[in-house]
Amino acid sequence: MSNKFFIDPDISKALTLPSSFYKDPEVFEAIKKKIFYKTWQWIGDDKNVATASSVYPFILLEDFLDEPMVLTKDTENQVHCLSNVCTHRGNIVADEPGKAKKLICGYHGRRFRLNGDFEHMPEFKKAKNFPGTCDNLHHFQLRNMGPFLFAGLDPSYDFQEVIDAMNERVGFLPLHEFKLDKRRNKDYYINAHWALYCDNYLEGFHIPFVHEDLNAVLDYGDYETVLYNYLNLQIGYAEGTETIFDLPEGHVDFGKKIAAYYYWVFPNMMFNFYPWGLSVNLVQPLQGNQTKVSFISYVYDASKLGKGAGTGLDKVEMEDEAVVEGVHKGIRSNFYKAGRFSPTREQGVHHFHSLLAKFLNA
């Protein structure tokens, strides 16, 4: 990729990424290797491999990365994230979730232990220097935050740094008691570049103009953004006290009327904590002009559903989609090159663009 991107570290002087970032097919392809291969992805929760000898195959970011992976829990209750591609001829090893003592490829019978180690292969007695380490299934790095699992293909940093930063404020929550509510899960398909969706999420600047209902329950004047290395946090303060977090003494925000903690994790994950639970939003690139956004809900206190900042999420999403699709059309103009950042309201977008430039230039 010949493009080099620069974001001035001084937000008061900086220009946004140029419109070519969102339009150039070469840049879109570079994003796969230079950003998504070098970072982390949420891959669900540990209930997918709840008991020993559990197997759970999945595709990481289907129709974009298309990486076949499999979660396993061995007989010692260790969870592994492995390549789901047989090291013999590249066939998919595990087809369905369930229980299995071994991983066995259905093509030629190559067998692996649940930790990914090669175990047996028919008709290979005469093969020299066999087996080797390349005959084991590839191990992907795996981290957990409570029940939630994260994997990296070839990450350039340790995700524990992100987990520790999130736990500073939400570590008091009993995440293992959060229950997946599939009835609330929903996929949205948006005719826009994936990064434009993140741009929109990363600032509260548009709330008074786009989200009338949300603006009514949030104190826009106190809306706050906190930056970390690979994530940032937007703190939504409540107008009243009806639906706020019951924060323990000693908490950094104890005594404040917190309605929501909105965590964004580079490059494409959102973890929105409300008094009722958690809404995970995954932004999945499909093409340069199409994005899939998945909402996954975990409920902790059902009595608080439908109240405060965590209500009307579908309506808020529709409002966001309209704006994002409008921006995607607008940046196609030959007369738009780049914009400026609001120093007081767009710190999160500036942070995102800085990371995108850093990774793409690496």
Protein backbone atom coordinates (compact mmCIF):
# COMPACT_ATOMS: atom_id res chain seq x y z
CA MET A 1 0.00 0.00 0.00
CA SER A 2 1.55 3.27 -1.11
CA ASN A 3 -0.69 5.52 1.00
CA LYS A 4 0.77 7.01 4.17
CA PHE A 5 -1.59 8.62 6.63
CA PHE A 6 -0.86 11.35 9.15
CA ILE A 7 -2.99 12.52 12.05
CA ASP A 8 -1.52 15.43 13.98
CA PRO A 9 -1.33 14.44 17.68
CA ASP A 10 -2.57 17.93 18.54
CA ILE A 11 -6.33 17.64 18.03
CA SER A 12 -6.67 21.41 17.77
CA LYS A 13 -4.57 21.31 14.59
CA ALA A 14 -5.41 17.88 13.21
CA LEU A 15 -7.25 16.97 10.04
CA THR A 16 -9.32 13.79 9.86
CA LEU A 17 -8.32 10.88 7.66
CA PRO A 18 -8.77 11.84 4.01
CA SER A 19 -11.80 10.68 2.07
CA SER A 20 -9.50 8.35 0.10
CA PHE A 21 -9.19 6.19 3.23
CA TYR A 22 -12.86 5.28 2.93
CA LYS A 23 -12.89 4.96 -0.87
CA ASP A 24 -9.64 3.23 -1.89
CA PRO A 25 -10.04 -0.60 -2.38
CA GLU A 26 -6.30 -1.02 -1.75
CA VAL A 27 -6.66 0.58 1.67
CA PHE A 28 -9.66 -1.64 2.48
CA GLU A 29 -7.56 -4.75 1.74
CA ALA A 30 -4.63 -3.41 3.77
CA ILE A 31 -6.95 -2.98 6.76
CA LYS A 32 -7.34 -6.78 6.95
CA LYS A 33 -3.64 -7.56 7.35
CA LYS A 34 -2.39 -4.44 9.07
CA ILE A 35 -5.26 -3.82 11.49
CA PHE A 36 -7.56 -6.81 11.97
CA TYR A 37 -4.78 -9.42 11.92
CA LYS A 38 -2.79 -7.39 14.44
CA THR A 39 -5.56 -6.74 16.97
CA TRP A 40 -8.18 -8.71 18.93
CA GLN A 41 -11.76 -9.85 18.45
CA TRP A 42 -14.58 -10.80 20.81
CA ILE A 43 -15.48 -14.47 20.16
CA GLY A 44 -18.40 -15.00 22.53
CA ASP A 45 -18.56 -16.37 26.04
CA ASP A 46 -17.27 -19.46 27.82
CA LYS A 47 -20.73 -21.05 27.91
CA ASN A 48 -20.04 -22.22 24.36
CA VAL A 49 -17.56 -24.66 25.90
CA ALA A 50 -19.20 -25.04 29.29
CA THR A 51 -18.02 -28.57 30.09
CA ALA A 52 -14.95 -30.73 29.51
CA SER A 53 -14.67 -32.23 26.00
CA SER A 54 -16.68 -29.38 24.47
CA VAL A 55 -16.04 -28.29 20.89
CA TYR A 56 -17.35 -25.06 19.33
CA PRO A 57 -16.36 -24.24 15.70
CA PHE A 58 -16.92 -20.77 14.22
CA ILE A 59 -15.72 -18.43 11.49
CA LEU A 60 -14.00 -15.25 12.65
CA LEU A 61 -15.53 -12.24 10.88
CA GLU A 62 -17.22 -14.23 8.13
CA ASP A 63 -17.13 -12.59 4.69
CA PHE A 64 -14.15 -10.46 5.75
CA LEU A 65 -11.38 -12.37 7.54
CA ASP A 66 -13.09 -15.76 7.03
CA GLU A 67 -10.76 -17.47 9.51
CA PRO A 68 -11.99 -20.96 10.60
CA MET A 69 -11.45 -21.37 14.34
CA VAL A 70 -12.57 -23.77 17.03
CA LEU A 71 -12.90 -23.38 20.79
CA THR A 72 -12.27 -26.51 22.83
CA LYS A 73 -12.25 -27.41 26.50
CA ASP A 74 -10.02 -30.40 27.25
CA THR A 75 -10.42 -32.97 30.02
CA GLU A 76 -8.40 -30.73 32.35
CA ASN A 77 -10.95 -27.93 31.79
CA GLN A 78 -8.47 -25.79 29.86
CA VAL A 79 -10.01 -23.71 27.07
CA HIS A 80 -8.11 -23.48 23.78
CA CYS A 81 -8.67 -21.42 20.64
CA LEU A 82 -7.35 -23.40 17.68
CA SER A 83 -7.26 -23.28 13.91
CA ASN A 84 -10.09 -25.42 12.58
CA VAL A 85 -8.09 -26.32 9.47
CA CYS A 86 -6.52 -29.78 9.17
CA THR A 87 -2.74 -29.61 8.83
CA HIS A 88 -2.80 -32.35 6.17
CA ARG A 89 -4.86 -31.03 3.26
CA GLY A 90 -6.67 -28.01 4.72
CA ASN A 91 -10.08 -29.52 5.34
CA ILE A 92 -12.32 -28.14 8.10
CA VAL A 93 -11.89 -30.42 11.12
CA ALA A 94 -14.88 -29.72 13.41
CA ASP A 95 -18.20 -29.13 11.66
CA GLU A 96 -20.67 -28.90 14.55
CA PRO A 97 -20.59 -27.79 18.20
CA GLY A 98 -20.94 -30.53 20.78
CA LYS A 99 -18.93 -33.08 22.75
CA ALA A 100 -15.85 -34.87 21.41
CA LYS A 101 -12.95 -36.77 22.92
CA LYS A 102 -10.73 -35.93 19.94
CA LEU A 103 -10.72 -33.69 16.89
CA ILE A 104 -10.80 -35.95 13.83
CA CYS A 105 -10.68 -34.74 10.24
CA GLY A 106 -13.35 -36.46 8.16
CA TYR A 107 -11.27 -36.32 4.96
CA HIS A 108 -8.37 -38.70 5.79
CA GLY A 109 -8.77 -39.41 9.49
CA ARG A 110 -6.02 -37.18 10.91
CA ARG A 111 -6.58 -36.98 14.67
CA PHE A 112 -5.76 -34.24 17.18
CA ARG A 113 -6.07 -33.91 20.94
CA LEU A 114 -8.39 -31.19 22.22
CA ASN A 115 -5.35 -29.02 22.97
CA GLY A 116 -4.50 -29.09 19.25
CA ASP A 117 -1.59 -31.54 19.41
CA PHE A 118 -1.30 -33.99 16.54
CA GLU A 119 -2.03 -37.56 17.65
CA HIS A 120 -2.44 -39.96 14.71
CA MET A 121 -2.55 -40.17 10.91
CA PRO A 122 -3.23 -43.32 8.81
CA GLU A 123 -0.78 -44.35 6.06
CA PHE A 124 2.06 -42.08 7.22
CA LYS A 125 4.42 -44.68 8.70
CA LYS A 126 6.93 -44.18 5.89
CA ALA A 127 6.88 -40.38 6.08
CA LYS A 128 10.24 -39.02 7.22
CA ASN A 129 10.61 -36.44 9.98
CA PHE A 130 6.95 -36.90 10.82
CA PRO A 131 5.17 -35.62 12.78
CA GLY A 132 6.58 -32.14 13.27
CA THR A 133 5.32 -29.09 15.07
CA CYS A 134 3.65 -27.99 11.82
CA ASP A 135 1.33 -31.00 12.14
CA ASN A 136 -0.28 -29.59 15.28
CA LEU A 137 -3.26 -27.27 14.99
CA HIS A 138 -2.29 -23.62 15.26
CA HIS A 139 -2.96 -22.01 18.66
CA PHE A 140 -4.41 -18.51 18.75
CA GLN A 141 -3.84 -16.23 21.71
CA LEU A 142 -6.85 -16.20 24.02
CA ARG A 143 -7.83 -13.86 26.86
CA ASN A 144 -10.93 -13.66 29.02
CA MET A 145 -12.76 -10.91 30.86
CA GLY A 146 -15.06 -12.79 33.19
CA PRO A 147 -16.99 -15.13 30.87
CA PHE A 148 -16.17 -13.16 27.71
CA LEU A 149 -13.49 -14.49 25.38
CA PHE A 150 -11.16 -12.61 23.05
CA ALA A 151 -8.79 -14.04 20.44
CA GLY A 152 -6.07 -12.54 18.27
CA LEU A 153 -4.73 -13.86 14.97
CA ASP A 154 -1.32 -12.21 15.33
CA PRO A 155 -1.88 -9.39 17.83
CA SER A 156 0.75 -6.71 18.32
CA TYR A 157 -0.13 -6.15 21.99
CA ASP A 158 -1.48 -8.05 24.98
CA PHE A 159 -5.24 -7.71 25.39
CA GLN A 160 -4.85 -7.86 29.16
CA GLU A 161 -4.05 -4.14 28.95
CA VAL A 162 -7.57 -3.53 27.61
CA ILE A 163 -9.20 -5.80 30.18
CA ASP A 164 -7.41 -4.05 33.04
CA ALA A 165 -8.52 -0.63 31.78
CA MET A 166 -12.17 -1.74 31.52
CA ASN A 167 -12.08 -3.33 34.96
CA GLU A 168 -11.14 0.02 36.50
CA ARG A 169 -14.81 0.98 36.21
CA VAL A 170 -16.86 -2.16 35.49
CA GLY A 171 -14.80 -4.69 37.44
CA PHE A 172 -17.35 -4.54 40.29
CA LEU A 173 -20.05 -6.07 38.07
CA PRO A 174 -20.65 -9.84 38.45
CA LEU A 175 -20.20 -10.61 34.74
CA HIS A 176 -20.64 -14.37 35.26
CA GLU A 177 -24.23 -13.62 36.34
CA PHE A 178 -25.03 -11.81 33.08
CA LYS A 179 -27.37 -13.93 30.95
CA LEU A 180 -27.35 -13.98 27.15
CA ASP A 181 -30.79 -12.93 25.87
CA LYS A 182 -30.96 -14.14 22.27
CA ARG A 183 -34.39 -12.56 21.81
CA ARG A 184 -32.73 -9.16 21.98
CA ASN A 185 -29.90 -9.99 19.59
CA LYS A 186 -30.07 -8.42 16.16
CA ASP A 187 -27.93 -7.91 13.05
CA TYR A 188 -28.03 -4.67 11.08
CA TYR A 189 -26.70 -4.22 7.54
CA ILE A 190 -25.53 -0.71 6.74
CA ASN A 191 -24.60 0.70 3.33
CA ALA A 192 -21.48 2.47 4.53
CA HIS A 193 -17.80 1.95 5.34
CA TRP A 194 -17.26 0.22 8.69
CA ALA A 195 -14.96 2.96 10.03
CA LEU A 196 -17.67 5.59 9.50
CA TYR A 197 -19.88 3.65 11.88
CA CYS A 198 -17.08 3.73 14.47
CA ASP A 199 -16.51 7.44 13.82
CA ASN A 200 -20.15 8.10 14.66
CA TYR A 201 -20.09 5.95 17.81
CA LEU A 202 -16.97 7.64 19.13
CA GLU A 203 -18.44 11.05 19.83
CA GLY A 204 -21.39 12.34 21.75
CA PHE A 205 -21.34 15.50 19.63
CA HIS A 206 -24.28 14.32 17.49
CA ILE A 207 -26.56 13.24 20.34
CA PRO A 208 -28.55 16.52 20.69
CA PHE A 209 -29.00 16.68 16.91
CA VAL A 210 -29.74 13.02 16.07
CA HIS A 211 -31.04 11.28 19.22
CA GLU A 212 -33.86 13.25 20.81
CA ASP A 213 -34.95 10.48 23.19
CA LEU A 214 -31.39 9.62 24.29
CA ASN A 215 -30.58 13.28 24.79
CA ALA A 216 -33.55 13.54 27.16
CA VAL A 217 -32.03 11.04 29.61
CA LEU A 218 -28.35 12.01 29.29
CA ASP A 219 -26.69 15.15 30.59
CA TYR A 220 -24.96 16.28 27.40
CA GLY A 221 -23.02 18.99 29.23
CA ASP A 222 -21.22 16.43 31.40
CA TYR A 223 -20.66 13.82 28.65
CA GLU A 224 -17.06 12.70 29.05
CA THR A 225 -14.45 10.82 26.98
CA VAL A 226 -11.50 8.99 28.60
CA LEU A 227 -8.67 7.78 26.33
CA TYR A 228 -6.42 4.71 26.76
CA ASN A 229 -3.93 3.08 24.41
CA TYR A 230 -6.27 0.78 22.48
CA LEU A 231 -9.68 1.73 23.78
CA ASN A 232 -11.62 4.70 24.97
CA LEU A 233 -14.56 5.24 27.24
CA GLN A 234 -17.50 7.59 26.91
CA ILE A 235 -19.31 8.20 30.19
CA GLY A 236 -22.98 9.04 30.00
CA TYR A 237 -24.30 10.96 33.01
CA ALA A 238 -28.01 10.78 33.85
CA GLU A 239 -30.29 13.79 33.95
CA GLY A 240 -32.11 12.26 36.92
CA THR A 241 -31.52 9.38 39.33
CA GLU A 242 -34.10 6.88 38.07
CA THR A 243 -31.73 4.46 36.32
CA ILE A 244 -28.10 4.80 37.32
CA PHE A 245 -25.37 2.42 38.48
CA ASP A 246 -25.21 1.57 42.16
CA LEU A 247 -21.48 2.12 42.44
CA PRO A 248 -19.58 0.72 45.45
CA GLU A 249 -17.66 2.96 47.82
CA GLY A 250 -14.11 3.43 46.61
CA HIS A 251 -15.18 3.33 42.94
CA VAL A 252 -13.55 6.09 40.88
CA ASP A 253 -17.04 7.43 40.02
CA PHE A 254 -18.68 6.86 43.40
CA GLY A 255 -21.35 9.49 44.05
CA LYS A 256 -21.81 10.34 40.36
CA LYS A 257 -25.02 9.72 38.40
CA ILE A 258 -23.67 7.31 35.80
CA ALA A 259 -26.26 6.14 33.26
CA ALA A 260 -23.92 4.25 30.93
CA TYR A 261 -20.32 3.28 30.30
CA TYR A 262 -19.67 3.11 26.56
CA TYR A 263 -16.42 1.27 25.85
CA TRP A 264 -14.96 1.18 22.36
CA VAL A 265 -12.09 -1.24 21.74
CA PHE A 266 -9.90 -0.85 18.68
CA PRO A 267 -10.68 -1.48 15.95
CA ASN A 268 -14.37 -2.49 15.88
CA MET A 269 -15.87 -3.52 19.23
CA MET A 270 -18.26 -1.69 21.56
CA PHE A 271 -19.19 -2.77 25.08
CA ASN A 272 -22.08 -0.69 26.38
CA PHE A 273 -22.69 -1.24 30.08
CA TYR A 274 -26.06 -0.14 31.45
CA PRO A 275 -27.67 -0.75 34.86
CA TRP A 276 -29.68 -3.56 33.19
CA GLY A 277 -26.62 -5.32 31.72
CA LEU A 278 -24.43 -5.23 28.62
CA SER A 279 -24.96 -4.62 24.91
CA VAL A 280 -22.03 -5.88 22.83
CA ASN A 281 -21.84 -4.26 19.39
CA LEU A 282 -19.55 -5.84 16.79
CA VAL A 283 -18.81 -3.83 13.65
CA GLN A 284 -17.93 -6.27 10.89
CA PRO A 285 -16.62 -5.01 7.53
CA LEU A 286 -18.08 -6.76 4.50
CA GLN A 287 -17.11 -4.50 1.62
CA GLY A 288 -15.93 -0.93 1.30
CA ASN A 289 -19.55 0.17 1.19
CA GLN A 290 -21.26 -2.43 3.38
CA THR A 291 -21.02 -3.22 7.09
CA LYS A 292 -22.70 -5.70 9.39
CA VAL A 293 -23.30 -4.59 12.98
CA SER A 294 -24.32 -7.25 15.49
CA PHE A 295 -26.03 -6.34 18.77
CA ILE A 296 -25.66 -9.04 21.46
CA SER A 297 -27.42 -8.52 24.79
CA TYR A 298 -26.54 -9.85 28.24
CA VAL A 299 -29.11 -9.06 30.92
CA TYR A 300 -28.19 -8.71 34.59
CA ASP A 301 -31.14 -6.79 36.13
CA ALA A 302 -34.26 -7.27 34.00
CA SER A 303 -36.23 -4.84 36.19
CA LYS A 304 -34.22 -1.98 34.68
CA LEU A 305 -34.84 -2.88 31.05
CA GLY A 306 -36.68 -0.19 29.12
CA LYS A 307 -35.41 2.59 31.36
CA GLY A 308 -32.72 5.25 31.07
CA ALA A 309 -29.90 5.38 28.53
CA GLY A 310 -30.11 1.67 27.76
CA THR A 311 -33.60 1.78 26.29
CA GLY A 312 -34.75 2.20 22.70
CA LEU A 313 -31.51 0.80 21.29
CA ASP A 314 -33.15 -0.16 17.99
CA LYS A 315 -34.44 3.39 17.47
CA VAL A 316 -31.04 4.85 18.29
CA GLU A 317 -29.47 2.43 15.81
CA MET A 318 -31.85 3.48 13.03
CA GLU A 319 -31.00 7.12 13.68
CA ASP A 320 -27.27 6.35 13.61
CA GLU A 321 -27.58 4.34 10.39
CA ALA A 322 -29.30 7.21 8.60
CA VAL A 323 -26.47 9.58 9.52
CA VAL A 324 -23.67 7.13 8.71
CA GLU A 325 -25.13 6.27 5.32
CA GLY A 326 -25.49 9.99 4.61
CA VAL A 327 -21.82 10.56 5.42
CA HIS A 328 -20.80 7.61 3.22
CA LYS A 329 -22.60 9.24 0.29
CA GLY A 330 -21.12 12.63 1.10
CA ILE A 331 -17.47 11.59 1.18
CA ARG A 332 -17.82 10.27 -2.39
CA SER A 333 -17.82 13.92 -3.47
CA ASN A 334 -14.71 15.10 -5.31
CA PHE A 335 -14.95 18.31 -3.31
CA TYR A 336 -14.61 16.76 0.15
CA LYS A 337 -11.07 15.89 1.16
CA ALA A 338 -10.93 15.90 4.98
CA GLY A 339 -12.50 17.60 7.97
CA ARG A 340 -11.44 18.95 11.36
CA PHE A 341 -12.00 17.61 14.86
CA SER A 342 -13.90 19.36 17.62
CA PRO A 343 -11.28 19.52 20.40
CA THR A 344 -13.98 19.28 23.07
CA ARG A 345 -16.31 16.66 21.54
CA GLU A 346 -14.37 14.47 19.11
CA GLN A 347 -11.40 13.22 21.13
CA GLY A 348 -12.55 9.64 20.53
CA VAL A 349 -12.65 10.03 16.75
CA HIS A 350 -9.21 11.66 16.78
CA HIS A 351 -7.92 8.73 18.85
CA PHE A 352 -9.43 6.22 16.38
CA HIS A 353 -7.97 7.94 13.34
CA SER A 354 -4.57 8.13 15.03
CA LEU A 355 -4.61 4.36 15.66
CA LEU A 356 -5.76 3.61 12.11
CA ALA A 357 -2.89 5.69 10.71
CA LYS A 358 -0.37 4.11 13.09
CA PHE A 359 -1.31 0.54 12.17
CA LEU A 360 -1.61 1.17 8.44
CA ASN A 361 1.76 2.94 8.34
CA ALA A 362 3.52 0.18 10.32
